[in-house]
Amino acid sequence: MADLTDYIPGGGWTLAAVGLLTVPGVRNQVRPVAKVVVRAGLVVADGLKEFVAEAREQTEDLVAEARADREGPTASPTTEVATEPAKARSRRTSQAEAGV
């Protein structure tokens, strides 16, 4: 047969914590400890979020690189180098024509 702790997240621990927090004398002593535990939990959660975000970013980069490798190179490095001087020449030519 199911008891009350089966329906409460954390079961008996939750009931014990709520019971302690309802007693005024105990509440004043437990509150600082509870704050430290909650603060530590927040630090861990923030660190975990940062770790997961970094892992996700690295995974996305890896997937993008794999897709690029699968599709093959679209432009060779020599093509890019060859077009740079042409761009510079066209700027110089247009500047010369403009009288700059």
N, C-alpha and C. Protein backbone atom coordinates (compact mmCIF):
# COMPACT_ATOMS: atom_id res chain seq x y z
N MET A 1 0.84 -1.18 0.00
CA MET A 1 0.00 0.00 0.00
C MET A 1 0.89 1.24 0.00
N ALA A 2 0.52 2.24 -0.80
CA ALA A 2 1.30 3.46 -0.93
C ALA A 2 1.08 4.37 0.27
N ASP A 3 2.17 4.97 0.72
CA ASP A 3 2.02 5.94 1.80
C ASP A 3 2.27 7.35 1.26
N LEU A 4 2.21 8.33 2.12
CA LEU A 4 2.31 9.74 1.73
C LEU A 4 3.63 10.05 1.04
N THR A 5 4.72 9.41 1.44
CA THR A 5 6.04 9.72 0.86
C THR A 5 6.15 9.29 -0.60
N ASP A 6 5.27 8.41 -1.08
CA ASP A 6 5.29 8.01 -2.48
C ASP A 6 4.79 9.12 -3.40
N TYR A 7 4.02 10.04 -2.87
CA TYR A 7 3.42 11.11 -3.67
C TYR A 7 4.16 12.44 -3.57
N ILE A 8 5.20 12.50 -2.76
CA ILE A 8 5.95 13.74 -2.54
C ILE A 8 7.35 13.57 -3.11
N PRO A 9 7.78 14.52 -4.00
CA PRO A 9 9.16 14.43 -4.51
C PRO A 9 10.16 14.52 -3.37
N GLY A 10 11.09 13.61 -3.32
CA GLY A 10 12.07 13.60 -2.24
C GLY A 10 11.61 12.73 -1.08
N GLY A 11 10.36 12.35 -1.08
CA GLY A 11 9.82 11.43 -0.07
C GLY A 11 9.99 11.91 1.35
N GLY A 12 10.57 11.06 2.17
CA GLY A 12 10.72 11.34 3.59
C GLY A 12 11.60 12.52 3.89
N TRP A 13 12.60 12.77 3.05
CA TRP A 13 13.49 13.91 3.27
C TRP A 13 12.72 15.22 3.18
N THR A 14 11.82 15.30 2.21
CA THR A 14 11.02 16.51 2.06
C THR A 14 10.12 16.71 3.26
N LEU A 15 9.47 15.65 3.70
CA LEU A 15 8.60 15.75 4.88
C LEU A 15 9.40 16.15 6.11
N ALA A 16 10.58 15.59 6.29
CA ALA A 16 11.41 15.94 7.44
C ALA A 16 11.83 17.40 7.39
N ALA A 17 12.21 17.88 6.22
CA ALA A 17 12.63 19.28 6.08
C ALA A 17 11.47 20.23 6.36
N VAL A 18 10.31 19.92 5.81
CA VAL A 18 9.14 20.77 6.05
C VAL A 18 8.77 20.74 7.52
N GLY A 19 8.86 19.56 8.12
CA GLY A 19 8.56 19.46 9.56
C GLY A 19 9.50 20.29 10.40
N LEU A 20 10.79 20.24 10.07
CA LEU A 20 11.76 21.03 10.83
C LEU A 20 11.56 22.53 10.64
N LEU A 21 11.20 22.92 9.43
CA LEU A 21 11.03 24.35 9.15
C LEU A 21 9.77 24.92 9.77
N THR A 22 8.83 24.07 10.17
CA THR A 22 7.61 24.59 10.79
C THR A 22 7.79 24.83 12.28
N VAL A 23 8.82 24.27 12.89
CA VAL A 23 9.10 24.49 14.31
C VAL A 23 9.93 25.77 14.42
N PRO A 24 9.39 26.83 15.08
CA PRO A 24 10.06 28.14 15.09
C PRO A 24 11.51 28.11 15.58
N GLY A 25 11.83 27.44 16.65
CA GLY A 25 13.20 27.42 17.17
C GLY A 25 14.16 26.72 16.23
N VAL A 26 13.71 25.68 15.60
CA VAL A 26 14.55 24.93 14.68
C VAL A 26 14.73 25.70 13.37
N ARG A 27 13.68 26.36 12.95
CA ARG A 27 13.72 27.11 11.69
C ARG A 27 14.85 28.14 11.71
N ASN A 28 15.01 28.85 12.81
CA ASN A 28 16.05 29.88 12.89
C ASN A 28 17.46 29.28 12.83
N GLN A 29 17.61 28.04 13.29
CA GLN A 29 18.91 27.40 13.26
C GLN A 29 19.17 26.72 11.92
N VAL A 30 18.14 26.24 11.27
CA VAL A 30 18.29 25.51 10.03
C VAL A 30 18.39 26.44 8.82
N ARG A 31 17.79 27.62 8.92
CA ARG A 31 17.75 28.54 7.78
C ARG A 31 19.14 28.87 7.23
N PRO A 32 20.14 29.24 8.04
CA PRO A 32 21.47 29.54 7.49
C PRO A 32 22.08 28.33 6.77
N VAL A 33 21.88 27.16 7.31
CA VAL A 33 22.41 25.96 6.66
C VAL A 33 21.69 25.73 5.33
N ALA A 34 20.39 25.94 5.32
CA ALA A 34 19.61 25.76 4.09
C ALA A 34 20.08 26.76 3.02
N LYS A 35 20.38 27.99 3.43
CA LYS A 35 20.86 28.99 2.47
C LYS A 35 22.20 28.57 1.86
N VAL A 36 23.08 28.02 2.68
CA VAL A 36 24.38 27.57 2.18
C VAL A 36 24.19 26.42 1.19
N VAL A 37 23.28 25.51 1.51
CA VAL A 37 23.02 24.38 0.61
C VAL A 37 22.43 24.87 -0.71
N VAL A 38 21.48 25.80 -0.64
CA VAL A 38 20.88 26.34 -1.86
C VAL A 38 21.91 27.10 -2.68
N ARG A 39 22.74 27.89 -2.02
CA ARG A 39 23.79 28.64 -2.72
C ARG A 39 24.76 27.68 -3.42
N ALA A 40 25.14 26.62 -2.74
CA ALA A 40 26.04 25.63 -3.35
C ALA A 40 25.36 24.97 -4.55
N GLY A 41 24.09 24.69 -4.43
CA GLY A 41 23.35 24.11 -5.54
C GLY A 41 23.31 25.03 -6.74
N LEU A 42 23.16 26.34 -6.49
CA LEU A 42 23.16 27.31 -7.58
C LEU A 42 24.52 27.39 -8.26
N VAL A 43 25.59 27.33 -7.48
CA VAL A 43 26.94 27.36 -8.05
C VAL A 43 27.15 26.14 -8.93
N VAL A 44 26.73 24.99 -8.44
CA VAL A 44 26.88 23.76 -9.24
C VAL A 44 26.04 23.85 -10.51
N ALA A 45 24.82 24.35 -10.39
CA ALA A 45 23.94 24.47 -11.56
C ALA A 45 24.54 25.42 -12.59
N ASP A 46 25.08 26.55 -12.15
CA ASP A 46 25.70 27.50 -13.07
C ASP A 46 26.91 26.88 -13.77
N GLY A 47 27.72 26.18 -13.01
CA GLY A 47 28.89 25.51 -13.60
C GLY A 47 28.48 24.45 -14.61
N LEU A 48 27.42 23.73 -14.29
CA LEU A 48 26.93 22.70 -15.21
C LEU A 48 26.38 23.32 -16.48
N LYS A 49 25.66 24.44 -16.35
CA LYS A 49 25.15 25.13 -17.53
C LYS A 49 26.29 25.57 -18.44
N GLU A 50 27.34 26.11 -17.85
CA GLU A 50 28.50 26.57 -18.62
C GLU A 50 29.18 25.39 -19.32
N PHE A 51 29.32 24.28 -18.60
CA PHE A 51 29.95 23.09 -19.17
C PHE A 51 29.13 22.56 -20.34
N VAL A 52 27.82 22.49 -20.18
CA VAL A 52 26.94 21.98 -21.23
C VAL A 52 26.98 22.91 -22.44
N ALA A 53 26.98 24.23 -22.21
CA ALA A 53 27.03 25.19 -23.32
C ALA A 53 28.33 25.03 -24.11
N GLU A 54 29.44 24.87 -23.41
CA GLU A 54 30.73 24.69 -24.08
C GLU A 54 30.75 23.38 -24.86
N ALA A 55 30.24 22.32 -24.27
CA ALA A 55 30.20 21.02 -24.96
C ALA A 55 29.31 21.10 -26.19
N ARG A 56 28.20 21.81 -26.08
CA ARG A 56 27.29 21.95 -27.21
C ARG A 56 27.97 22.73 -28.35
N GLU A 57 28.66 23.80 -27.99
CA GLU A 57 29.35 24.61 -28.99
C GLU A 57 30.41 23.80 -29.72
N GLN A 58 31.18 23.01 -28.97
CA GLN A 58 32.20 22.19 -29.58
C GLN A 58 31.59 21.12 -30.49
N THR A 59 30.47 20.56 -30.06
CA THR A 59 29.79 19.55 -30.87
C THR A 59 29.25 20.17 -32.15
N GLU A 60 28.67 21.36 -32.06
CA GLU A 60 28.17 22.04 -33.25
C GLU A 60 29.30 22.35 -34.22
N ASP A 61 30.45 22.78 -33.69
CA ASP A 61 31.61 23.04 -34.54
C ASP A 61 32.07 21.76 -35.24
N LEU A 62 32.10 20.68 -34.50
CA LEU A 62 32.53 19.40 -35.06
C LEU A 62 31.58 18.95 -36.17
N VAL A 63 30.28 19.10 -35.94
CA VAL A 63 29.29 18.72 -36.95
C VAL A 63 29.44 19.60 -38.19
N ALA A 64 29.65 20.89 -37.99
CA ALA A 64 29.82 21.80 -39.13
C ALA A 64 31.06 21.42 -39.94
N GLU A 65 32.15 21.08 -39.26
CA GLU A 65 33.36 20.68 -39.97
C GLU A 65 33.13 19.37 -40.73
N ALA A 66 32.43 18.43 -40.12
CA ALA A 66 32.16 17.15 -40.79
C ALA A 66 31.29 17.36 -42.03
N ARG A 67 30.31 18.24 -41.92
CA ARG A 67 29.46 18.53 -43.08
C ARG A 67 30.26 19.20 -44.19
N ALA A 68 31.13 20.10 -43.80
CA ALA A 68 31.97 20.78 -44.80
C ALA A 68 32.89 19.78 -45.49
N ASP A 69 33.44 18.85 -44.72
CA ASP A 69 34.31 17.83 -45.32
C ASP A 69 33.52 16.92 -46.25
N ARG A 70 32.29 16.61 -45.87
CA ARG A 70 31.47 15.73 -46.69
C ARG A 70 31.09 16.40 -48.00
N GLU A 71 30.80 17.70 -47.96
CA GLU A 71 30.40 18.42 -49.16
C GLU A 71 31.59 18.72 -50.07
N GLY A 72 32.77 18.66 -49.52
CA GLY A 72 33.97 18.90 -50.32
C GLY A 72 34.31 20.37 -50.32
N PRO A 73 35.53 20.67 -50.70
CA PRO A 73 35.96 22.08 -50.72
C PRO A 73 35.23 22.85 -51.83
N THR A 74 34.71 24.01 -51.49
CA THR A 74 34.01 24.84 -52.48
C THR A 74 34.96 25.82 -53.13
N ALA A 75 35.96 26.25 -52.39
CA ALA A 75 36.96 27.17 -52.95
C ALA A 75 38.32 26.74 -52.45
N SER A 76 39.26 26.66 -53.34
CA SER A 76 40.60 26.26 -52.93
C SER A 76 41.33 27.49 -52.38
N PRO A 77 42.30 27.27 -51.52
CA PRO A 77 43.06 28.40 -50.97
C PRO A 77 43.77 29.20 -52.05
N THR A 78 44.21 28.56 -53.13
CA THR A 78 44.91 29.30 -54.18
C THR A 78 43.96 30.24 -54.91
N THR A 79 42.69 29.87 -55.01
CA THR A 79 41.71 30.75 -55.66
C THR A 79 41.52 32.01 -54.85
N GLU A 80 41.44 31.86 -53.52
CA GLU A 80 41.25 33.02 -52.66
C GLU A 80 42.46 33.94 -52.71
N VAL A 81 43.66 33.37 -52.73
CA VAL A 81 44.87 34.18 -52.79
C VAL A 81 44.94 34.91 -54.12
N ALA A 82 44.57 34.24 -55.18
CA ALA A 82 44.64 34.84 -56.51
C ALA A 82 43.65 35.99 -56.66
N THR A 83 42.53 35.94 -55.99
CA THR A 83 41.54 37.00 -56.13
C THR A 83 41.87 38.22 -55.30
N GLU A 84 42.66 38.08 -54.25
CA GLU A 84 42.99 39.23 -53.41
C GLU A 84 43.75 40.30 -54.18
N PRO A 85 44.80 39.99 -54.92
CA PRO A 85 45.49 41.04 -55.68
C PRO A 85 44.57 41.69 -56.71
N ALA A 86 43.68 40.89 -57.29
CA ALA A 86 42.76 41.46 -58.27
C ALA A 86 41.83 42.46 -57.60
N LYS A 87 41.39 42.16 -56.41
CA LYS A 87 40.53 43.11 -55.68
C LYS A 87 41.29 44.38 -55.37
N ALA A 88 42.53 44.22 -54.94
CA ALA A 88 43.34 45.40 -54.62
C ALA A 88 43.58 46.23 -55.87
N ARG A 89 43.86 45.57 -57.01
CA ARG A 89 44.06 46.29 -58.27
C ARG A 89 42.80 47.05 -58.66
N SER A 90 41.65 46.41 -58.49
CA SER A 90 40.41 47.08 -58.90
C SER A 90 40.13 48.28 -58.01
N ARG A 91 40.50 48.21 -56.73
CA ARG A 91 40.33 49.38 -55.85
C ARG A 91 41.28 50.51 -56.27
N ARG A 92 42.53 50.13 -56.57
CA ARG A 92 43.48 51.17 -56.98
C ARG A 92 43.04 51.80 -58.28
N THR A 93 42.56 51.01 -59.18
CA THR A 93 42.10 51.53 -60.46
C THR A 93 40.91 52.46 -60.28
N SER A 94 39.96 52.03 -59.43
CA SER A 94 38.79 52.89 -59.23
C SER A 94 39.15 54.16 -58.48
N GLN A 95 40.12 54.08 -57.57
CA GLN A 95 40.57 55.27 -56.85
C GLN A 95 41.29 56.22 -57.81
N ALA A 96 42.11 55.66 -58.70
CA ALA A 96 42.84 56.48 -59.67
C ALA A 96 41.86 57.18 -60.60
N GLU A 97 40.83 56.47 -61.01
CA GLU A 97 39.83 57.06 -61.89
C GLU A 97 39.04 58.16 -61.20
N ALA A 98 38.86 58.00 -59.87
CA ALA A 98 38.12 58.98 -59.13
C ALA A 98 39.00 60.18 -58.76
N GLY A 99 40.29 60.06 -58.94
CA GLY A 99 41.21 61.16 -58.65
C GLY A 99 41.63 61.21 -57.20
N VAL A 100 41.57 60.07 -56.52
CA VAL A 100 41.95 60.02 -55.10
C VAL A 100 43.42 59.79 -54.95
